[in-house]
Amino acid sequence: MRTPDIFIKATGRFLPETVSVEWAVEQGHYSAEDAELHELGGAAVAGDTPAPDMALWAAQQAVKRCGHRPEDLGLLLYVDSWHQGPDGWQPQYYLQRHLVGGDVLAVEIQQGCNGMFSALELAAAHLRAGPRPGSALVVAADNFGTPLFDRWTTGPGYIAGDGAGAVVLTTEPGFARLLAVRSLAVPEAEQMHRGAEPLFPPGATIGRPLNFTSRNAAFRELSLTEGLGTGALMRVHQRTLEVVEKTLSEAGITLGDITRVAYMNFSREIVEQRCMAALGLPMSASTWEFGRKLGHLGASDQVVALDELVTTGELGPGDHLLMLGMGPGVTLSCAVVKVLTPAPWSD
């Protein structure tokens, strides 16, 4: 989806204190072998701080930075990938109460790690179809520190971190432009994140922990015994390159124009093999060194990286950021951002 008329007015984030991998190894939460293999540094751990509070703080920062009145926003999209609060309750209304008021369309988006990309695309479409000027707030938040989730072992090649990221999109000029955003899917790989678990009753309702490591192992076993997965995994790689190619084409640029790449906060070998080497780009262009200390922040990885890059001045006028992610489904998502001026709050 081409979005050259959509601007980024501000970003925001909230990150709690980090816990080191060395501490996790000493406590027996994380193996020394994984620490050596994956080269991860730690994870942001929020303790008992609710995810909606982190979302509120990140959103407040973004709204304050852009100079908009919260009640003037026309859309609120709240993205999450883990439980946010009491069952039967939805977190976007918490932000309506404490920030934007009741005249804003507010929707929760649950699309795993790629929910932010879907939210950006939906927000851009909403802004382009509505009256101008218009603005939308997109925020993502998760706290994985719950009994049914072990942040250190739940996923292969990553540690889960807590935190929130926010972005304000507008039809008015901003410090950056969202040039394009797009998602593709590999439906034949749907079982990769389901494994052999039954669809009913849902695991959370019977106290079954979430473990993508075991589900991925089950999928690999099915691949060997039933021939389900080899072609699907190859297809994931092919479609990753395809979504990047299509998004760059819609943005009107090439890989040679990309300054930095924000991928998921995974292990060095995964970021290098699945992303940077696959694109023919050096690891120095990635945000891995920043993300390795935070853990995989659910749907917030790429937006938090964008906030870091523009705040520190690592991305400046004329630079392009490629944001890329993979989520259950399997979905593959990409977006291109061009920085037009230094962020007003930058260092």
Protein backbone atom coordinates (compact mmCIF):
# COMPACT_ATOMS: atom_id res chain seq x y z
CA MET A 1 0.00 0.00 0.00
CA ARG A 2 1.50 3.32 -1.08
CA THR A 3 1.18 5.94 1.66
CA PRO A 4 3.28 8.95 0.61
CA ASP A 5 0.62 11.33 1.92
CA ILE A 6 0.83 9.92 5.46
CA PHE A 7 3.30 11.49 7.85
CA ILE A 8 4.73 10.50 11.21
CA LYS A 9 4.28 13.35 13.63
CA ALA A 10 5.80 11.71 16.71
CA THR A 11 6.85 8.46 18.32
CA GLY A 12 6.93 7.37 21.94
CA ARG A 13 8.00 4.43 24.07
CA PHE A 14 8.09 3.04 27.56
CA LEU A 15 10.75 0.51 28.52
CA PRO A 16 11.16 -0.86 32.05
CA GLU A 17 14.50 -1.78 33.57
CA THR A 18 16.39 -4.63 31.91
CA VAL A 19 17.54 -7.92 33.39
CA SER A 20 20.79 -9.37 32.07
CA VAL A 21 21.29 -12.77 30.49
CA GLU A 22 24.11 -13.38 32.96
CA TRP A 23 21.64 -13.03 35.84
CA ALA A 24 19.18 -15.37 34.10
CA VAL A 25 21.91 -18.00 33.63
CA GLU A 26 22.96 -17.71 37.29
CA GLN A 27 19.33 -18.17 38.38
CA GLY A 28 18.84 -21.17 36.11
CA HIS A 29 16.23 -19.45 33.90
CA TYR A 30 18.37 -19.51 30.75
CA SER A 31 21.00 -21.99 29.65
CA ALA A 32 24.64 -21.02 29.23
CA GLU A 33 24.58 -22.79 25.86
CA ASP A 34 21.76 -20.58 24.58
CA ALA A 35 23.50 -17.50 25.94
CA GLU A 36 26.63 -18.34 23.94
CA LEU A 37 24.71 -19.37 20.83
CA HIS A 38 22.27 -16.47 20.57
CA GLU A 39 24.44 -13.60 21.91
CA LEU A 40 21.46 -11.87 23.49
CA GLY A 41 22.08 -9.36 26.26
CA GLY A 42 18.93 -9.40 28.36
CA ALA A 43 15.29 -8.41 28.53
CA ALA A 44 13.19 -5.48 29.69
CA VAL A 45 11.12 -6.74 32.63
CA ALA A 46 8.10 -4.77 33.83
CA GLY A 47 7.32 -6.78 36.96
CA ASP A 48 3.69 -6.22 37.92
CA THR A 49 3.28 -3.07 35.80
CA PRO A 50 0.20 -3.64 33.60
CA ALA A 51 0.64 -3.48 29.84
CA PRO A 52 -2.15 -0.88 29.46
CA ASP A 53 -0.24 1.49 31.78
CA MET A 54 2.89 1.11 29.64
CA ALA A 55 0.77 1.75 26.54
CA LEU A 56 -0.67 4.88 28.15
CA TRP A 57 2.77 6.25 29.05
CA ALA A 58 4.17 5.61 25.55
CA ALA A 59 1.08 7.17 23.98
CA GLN A 60 1.24 10.20 26.27
CA GLN A 61 4.85 10.78 25.25
CA ALA A 62 4.02 10.56 21.55
CA VAL A 63 1.02 12.89 21.84
CA LYS A 64 2.99 15.42 23.89
CA ARG A 65 5.84 15.39 21.37
CA CYS A 66 3.56 16.07 18.41
CA GLY A 67 1.79 18.98 20.09
CA HIS A 68 -1.71 17.65 19.37
CA ARG A 69 -4.53 17.75 21.84
CA PRO A 70 -5.36 14.09 22.65
CA GLU A 71 -9.05 14.68 22.05
CA ASP A 72 -8.32 15.83 18.49
CA LEU A 73 -7.14 12.37 17.44
CA GLY A 74 -9.54 10.61 15.11
CA LEU A 75 -8.50 6.99 15.62
CA LEU A 76 -6.90 4.85 18.32
CA LEU A 77 -5.53 1.40 17.45
CA TYR A 78 -4.26 -0.65 20.40
CA VAL A 79 -2.00 -3.55 19.42
CA ASP A 80 -1.13 -6.48 21.69
CA SER A 81 0.00 -10.09 21.50
CA TRP A 82 -0.52 -11.27 25.09
CA HIS A 83 -3.20 -10.89 27.76
CA GLN A 84 -3.79 -7.28 28.81
CA GLY A 85 -6.11 -7.52 31.81
CA PRO A 86 -9.37 -9.10 32.94
CA ASP A 87 -11.03 -11.44 30.44
CA GLY A 88 -13.98 -9.78 28.74
CA TRP A 89 -12.35 -6.34 29.01
CA GLN A 90 -10.52 -4.51 26.22
CA PRO A 91 -7.51 -2.27 26.83
CA GLN A 92 -8.14 0.43 24.23
CA TYR A 93 -10.91 1.84 26.41
CA TYR A 94 -8.40 2.38 29.21
CA LEU A 95 -6.58 4.81 26.92
CA GLN A 96 -9.89 6.39 25.94
CA ARG A 97 -10.62 7.08 29.59
CA HIS A 98 -7.18 8.38 30.48
CA LEU A 99 -6.03 10.07 27.27
CA VAL A 100 -8.13 10.52 24.13
CA GLY A 101 -11.74 10.70 25.33
CA GLY A 102 -14.88 9.09 24.02
CA ASP A 103 -15.25 10.61 20.55
CA VAL A 104 -12.47 8.51 19.01
CA LEU A 105 -12.94 5.20 17.22
CA ALA A 106 -10.88 2.78 19.35
CA VAL A 107 -10.08 -0.77 18.24
CA GLU A 108 -7.89 -3.55 19.63
CA ILE A 109 -5.72 -5.43 17.12
CA GLN A 110 -4.40 -8.88 17.96
CA GLN A 111 -2.14 -10.09 15.19
CA GLY A 112 0.87 -11.30 17.10
CA CYS A 113 4.26 -9.77 16.41
CA ASN A 114 3.08 -8.07 13.21
CA GLY A 115 0.12 -6.24 14.68
CA MET A 116 1.83 -2.85 14.44
CA PHE A 117 2.20 -3.20 10.67
CA SER A 118 -1.50 -4.01 10.29
CA ALA A 119 -2.34 -1.06 12.51
CA LEU A 120 -0.19 1.28 10.41
CA GLU A 121 -1.93 0.11 7.24
CA LEU A 122 -5.40 0.43 8.73
CA ALA A 123 -4.63 3.84 10.23
CA ALA A 124 -3.26 5.11 6.92
CA ALA A 125 -6.37 3.94 5.07
CA HIS A 126 -8.60 5.56 7.70
CA LEU A 127 -6.75 8.87 7.40
CA ARG A 128 -6.80 8.87 3.62
CA ALA A 129 -10.55 8.22 3.56
CA GLY A 130 -11.48 10.77 6.22
CA PRO A 131 -11.56 14.55 6.48
CA ARG A 132 -8.29 16.45 6.50
CA PRO A 133 -6.34 17.27 8.51
CA GLY A 134 -6.56 14.02 10.45
CA SER A 135 -4.45 12.11 12.94
CA ALA A 136 -4.33 8.62 14.40
CA LEU A 137 -2.61 7.11 17.41
CA VAL A 138 -1.21 3.58 17.14
CA VAL A 139 0.20 1.97 20.27
CA ALA A 140 1.44 -1.52 21.15
CA ALA A 141 2.19 -2.95 24.60
CA ASP A 142 2.79 -6.28 26.34
CA ASN A 143 3.89 -7.60 29.72
CA PHE A 144 4.86 -11.26 29.35
CA GLY A 145 5.69 -11.82 33.02
CA THR A 146 2.72 -14.10 33.74
CA PRO A 147 2.41 -17.70 35.01
CA LEU A 148 1.60 -19.15 31.56
CA PHE A 149 4.59 -17.55 29.83
CA ASP A 150 8.30 -18.17 30.44
CA ARG A 151 10.07 -15.24 28.79
CA TRP A 152 13.40 -17.10 28.72
CA THR A 153 12.34 -20.33 26.98
CA THR A 154 8.96 -19.77 25.30
CA GLY A 155 10.36 -18.93 21.85
CA PRO A 156 13.22 -20.37 19.82
CA GLY A 157 16.03 -17.86 19.38
CA TYR A 158 14.65 -15.02 21.44
CA ILE A 159 13.87 -13.79 24.93
CA ALA A 160 10.58 -11.97 25.50
CA GLY A 161 10.80 -8.40 26.75
CA ASP A 162 8.13 -6.07 28.13
CA GLY A 163 7.42 -2.56 26.92
CA ALA A 164 5.36 -0.29 24.71
CA GLY A 165 5.79 1.76 21.56
CA ALA A 166 3.56 4.42 20.03
CA VAL A 167 3.35 6.47 16.85
CA VAL A 168 1.11 9.36 15.77
CA LEU A 169 0.24 9.38 12.06
CA THR A 170 -1.16 12.49 10.37
CA THR A 171 -2.10 13.93 7.00
CA GLU A 172 -0.19 17.07 7.99
CA PRO A 173 3.56 17.41 7.43
CA GLY A 174 5.65 15.64 10.07
CA PHE A 175 9.29 14.86 10.69
CA ALA A 176 9.00 11.60 8.69
CA ARG A 177 6.87 10.12 5.95
CA LEU A 178 5.41 6.61 5.87
CA LEU A 179 6.12 5.75 2.23
CA ALA A 180 4.60 2.27 2.07
CA VAL A 181 3.40 -0.61 4.23
CA ARG A 182 2.39 -4.11 3.18
CA SER A 183 1.76 -7.63 4.49
CA LEU A 184 1.74 -11.06 2.85
CA ALA A 185 0.87 -14.47 4.28
CA VAL A 186 2.03 -18.06 3.99
CA PRO A 187 -1.15 -19.95 4.96
CA GLU A 188 0.45 -23.35 4.45
CA ALA A 189 2.73 -22.56 7.41
CA GLU A 190 -0.21 -21.79 9.73
CA GLN A 191 0.54 -24.81 11.91
CA MET A 192 4.06 -23.59 12.67
CA HIS A 193 2.80 -21.60 15.66
CA ARG A 194 0.03 -24.07 16.57
CA GLY A 195 2.00 -27.29 16.58
CA ALA A 196 -0.06 -30.29 17.62
CA GLU A 197 -2.19 -28.45 20.17
CA PRO A 198 -5.98 -28.77 19.85
CA LEU A 199 -8.03 -25.73 18.92
CA PHE A 200 -10.48 -26.33 21.77
CA PRO A 201 -10.52 -25.69 24.61
CA PRO A 202 -8.12 -22.73 24.28
CA GLY A 203 -4.93 -23.35 26.22
CA ALA A 204 -5.24 -20.27 28.44
CA THR A 205 -8.65 -21.43 29.71
CA ILE A 206 -7.20 -24.67 31.10
CA GLY A 207 -3.86 -23.34 32.33
CA ARG A 208 -1.68 -24.62 29.48
CA PRO A 209 1.51 -22.53 29.15
CA LEU A 210 2.36 -20.94 25.81
CA ASN A 211 5.47 -22.52 24.32
CA PHE A 212 6.39 -21.73 20.72
CA THR A 213 9.58 -23.78 21.07
CA SER A 214 7.63 -27.02 21.55
CA ARG A 215 5.08 -26.05 18.91
CA ASN A 216 7.82 -25.39 16.36
CA ALA A 217 9.38 -28.75 17.24
CA ALA A 218 6.04 -30.47 16.69
CA PHE A 219 5.69 -28.74 13.34
CA ARG A 220 9.15 -29.93 12.31
CA GLU A 221 8.21 -33.47 13.34
CA LEU A 222 5.06 -33.27 11.24
CA SER A 223 7.22 -32.01 8.39
CA LEU A 224 9.29 -35.18 8.56
CA THR A 225 6.42 -37.63 9.00
CA GLU A 226 3.74 -36.00 6.84
CA GLY A 227 5.74 -33.71 4.54
CA LEU A 228 3.95 -30.60 5.75
CA GLY A 229 6.68 -28.15 6.45
CA THR A 230 9.74 -28.18 4.17
CA GLY A 231 7.99 -26.45 1.29
CA ALA A 232 6.20 -24.11 3.69
CA LEU A 233 9.47 -22.98 5.28
CA MET A 234 10.99 -22.34 1.88
CA ARG A 235 7.88 -20.37 1.01
CA VAL A 236 8.33 -18.21 4.12
CA HIS A 237 11.81 -17.24 2.93
CA GLN A 238 10.61 -16.53 -0.61
CA ARG A 239 7.68 -14.43 0.55
CA THR A 240 9.90 -12.47 2.93
CA LEU A 241 11.94 -11.31 -0.04
CA GLU A 242 8.72 -10.72 -1.98
CA VAL A 243 7.13 -8.48 0.65
CA VAL A 244 10.32 -6.41 0.85
CA GLU A 245 10.51 -6.10 -2.93
CA LYS A 246 6.86 -5.07 -3.26
CA THR A 247 7.07 -2.55 -0.40
CA LEU A 248 10.23 -0.97 -1.76
CA SER A 249 8.64 -0.71 -5.20
CA GLU A 250 5.59 1.01 -3.74
CA ALA A 251 7.88 3.34 -1.79
CA GLY A 252 9.71 4.22 -5.01
CA ILE A 253 13.15 3.25 -3.73
CA THR A 254 15.58 0.31 -3.84
CA LEU A 255 17.56 -1.58 -1.21
CA GLY A 256 20.48 0.67 -2.04
CA ASP A 257 18.52 3.58 -0.58
CA ILE A 258 17.98 1.86 2.80
CA THR A 259 19.98 3.35 5.66
CA ARG A 260 18.91 1.08 8.52
CA VAL A 261 16.78 -2.04 9.02
CA ALA A 262 14.62 -2.71 12.07
CA TYR A 263 13.82 -6.41 12.37
CA MET A 264 12.56 -8.41 15.33
CA ASN A 265 14.72 -8.51 18.48
CA PHE A 266 15.87 -12.07 17.92
CA SER A 267 19.24 -13.81 18.17
CA ARG A 268 22.13 -12.65 16.06
CA GLU A 269 22.03 -15.69 13.77
CA ILE A 270 18.30 -15.32 13.10
CA VAL A 271 18.52 -11.59 12.36
CA GLU A 272 21.51 -12.17 10.12
CA GLN A 273 20.22 -15.24 8.25
CA ARG A 274 16.52 -14.43 7.92
CA CYS A 275 16.88 -10.70 7.37
CA MET A 276 20.20 -8.99 6.74
CA ALA A 277 22.07 -11.64 4.73
CA ALA A 278 18.88 -12.50 2.87
CA LEU A 279 18.65 -8.85 1.79
CA GLY A 280 22.37 -8.59 1.07
CA LEU A 281 22.87 -5.97 3.79
CA PRO A 282 25.49 -5.85 6.56
CA MET A 283 24.59 -6.44 10.20
CA SER A 284 25.89 -2.96 10.94
CA ALA A 285 22.80 -1.58 9.21
CA SER A 286 20.50 -3.50 11.55
CA THR A 287 19.19 -2.48 14.97
CA TRP A 288 20.25 -5.79 16.52
CA GLU A 289 22.78 -4.25 18.92
CA PHE A 290 20.01 -2.08 20.37
CA GLY A 291 17.34 -4.77 20.45
CA ARG A 292 19.51 -7.58 21.87
CA LYS A 293 19.42 -5.85 25.27
CA LEU A 294 15.64 -5.47 25.37
CA GLY A 295 14.24 -8.81 24.27
CA HIS A 296 11.47 -9.37 21.75
CA LEU A 297 8.82 -6.77 22.65
CA GLY A 298 5.85 -8.43 20.95
CA ALA A 299 4.54 -5.97 18.36
CA SER A 300 6.70 -3.05 19.54
CA ASP A 301 10.18 -3.99 18.29
CA GLN A 302 10.26 -1.95 15.10
CA VAL A 303 8.53 1.19 16.40
CA VAL A 304 10.71 1.29 19.52
CA ALA A 305 13.75 0.97 17.23
CA LEU A 306 12.44 3.84 15.09
CA ASP A 307 12.04 5.97 18.21
CA GLU A 308 15.61 5.17 19.27
CA LEU A 309 17.08 5.97 15.86
CA VAL A 310 15.38 9.34 15.44
CA THR A 311 15.86 10.35 19.08
CA THR A 312 19.61 9.72 18.97
CA GLY A 313 19.98 11.16 15.46
CA GLU A 314 21.16 7.88 13.95
CA LEU A 315 18.51 8.47 11.30
CA GLY A 316 18.55 11.94 9.79
CA PRO A 317 16.97 13.87 6.91
CA GLY A 318 16.94 11.84 3.71
CA ASP A 319 17.51 8.50 5.47
CA HIS A 320 15.23 5.52 4.95
CA LEU A 321 14.30 2.89 7.53
CA LEU A 322 13.07 -0.54 6.44
CA MET A 323 10.93 -2.22 9.10
CA LEU A 324 10.38 -5.97 8.66
CA GLY A 325 8.66 -8.62 10.75
CA MET A 326 7.18 -12.12 10.85
CA GLY A 327 4.22 -13.26 12.91
CA PRO A 328 1.93 -16.27 13.35
CA GLY A 329 -0.22 -17.01 10.35
CA VAL A 330 2.45 -16.97 8.97
CA THR A 331 2.37 -13.25 8.16
CA LEU A 332 5.26 -11.27 6.74
CA SER A 333 5.10 -7.49 7.02
CA CYS A 334 7.19 -4.57 5.83
CA ALA A 335 7.12 -0.78 5.97
CA VAL A 336 9.38 1.99 4.70
CA VAL A 337 9.85 5.29 6.55
CA LYS A 338 11.71 8.32 5.20
CA VAL A 339 13.02 10.92 7.64
CA LEU A 340 12.42 14.45 6.40
CA THR A 341 13.74 16.60 9.26
CA PRO A 342 15.34 15.88 12.62
CA ALA A 343 12.77 14.78 15.18
CA PRO A 344 11.91 17.88 17.26
CA TRP A 345 12.82 16.07 20.50
CA SER A 346 16.02 14.44 19.17
CA ASP A 347 19.29 14.59 21.08
